[in-house]
Each structure stands twice: as C-alpha cells, then as structure tokens.
C-alpha cells in the first residue's frame, strides 16, 4: 500500500498515517516512535479524538524539519599537514602530475 503525502497542511492524520507520510517525505520514523515521544515528550503536537490520536500534517512536517541538523561540512586538510590532525579527518592527496 502506497502512502501519500497530504497536500493540505491542515489534514488530520492518525499516528500510523503521520509516520508513513513523514517517511515518504524523507523523514523516516515509525508510529511506535511517535507514540513513545507522545508519552515522554518531544513529539509533534497532536490532538485526541476519543481514543484516537490525530496529528496535523503541517505541524508534523514542521516538527520533522526542526529536528534536522544544519548542513555539515568536513574540513579538507592538505596532505602535508595530515600528521598534525586525528586520523578521522580526511586528507587531500596531491596529484603527482604537475603540469
């Protein structure tokens, strides 16, 4: 079954549908994780309708985007200085062909 991403930010989704839509949008999460976060804190805002929990799509997507880290950049260290840095920092290998 293919889950679709809602067009309206005001669409109300069940926990399972919210998890599926977030995953389809590039934010992989399981319904069980949303349930855990709802009880322990840190979940997207939700409402209840009887025993059912409903998430507003716009709030859920904004929540997922807010959890993204800023873009990361890995420093490039010239090979001549690589012995001064930890082995985990990538080094640039200079070309032997110097035209």
Foldseek 3Di string as FASTA:
>chain_A
DQQEADPDLQDKDFLQNLQRNCVVVVQHDHSVVLVVCVVVPLHFDWDDDVPTIIDRNNSRNVSSVVPDDPDDDQDEAEPVCVVVDDPVRDYDDDDPDDD
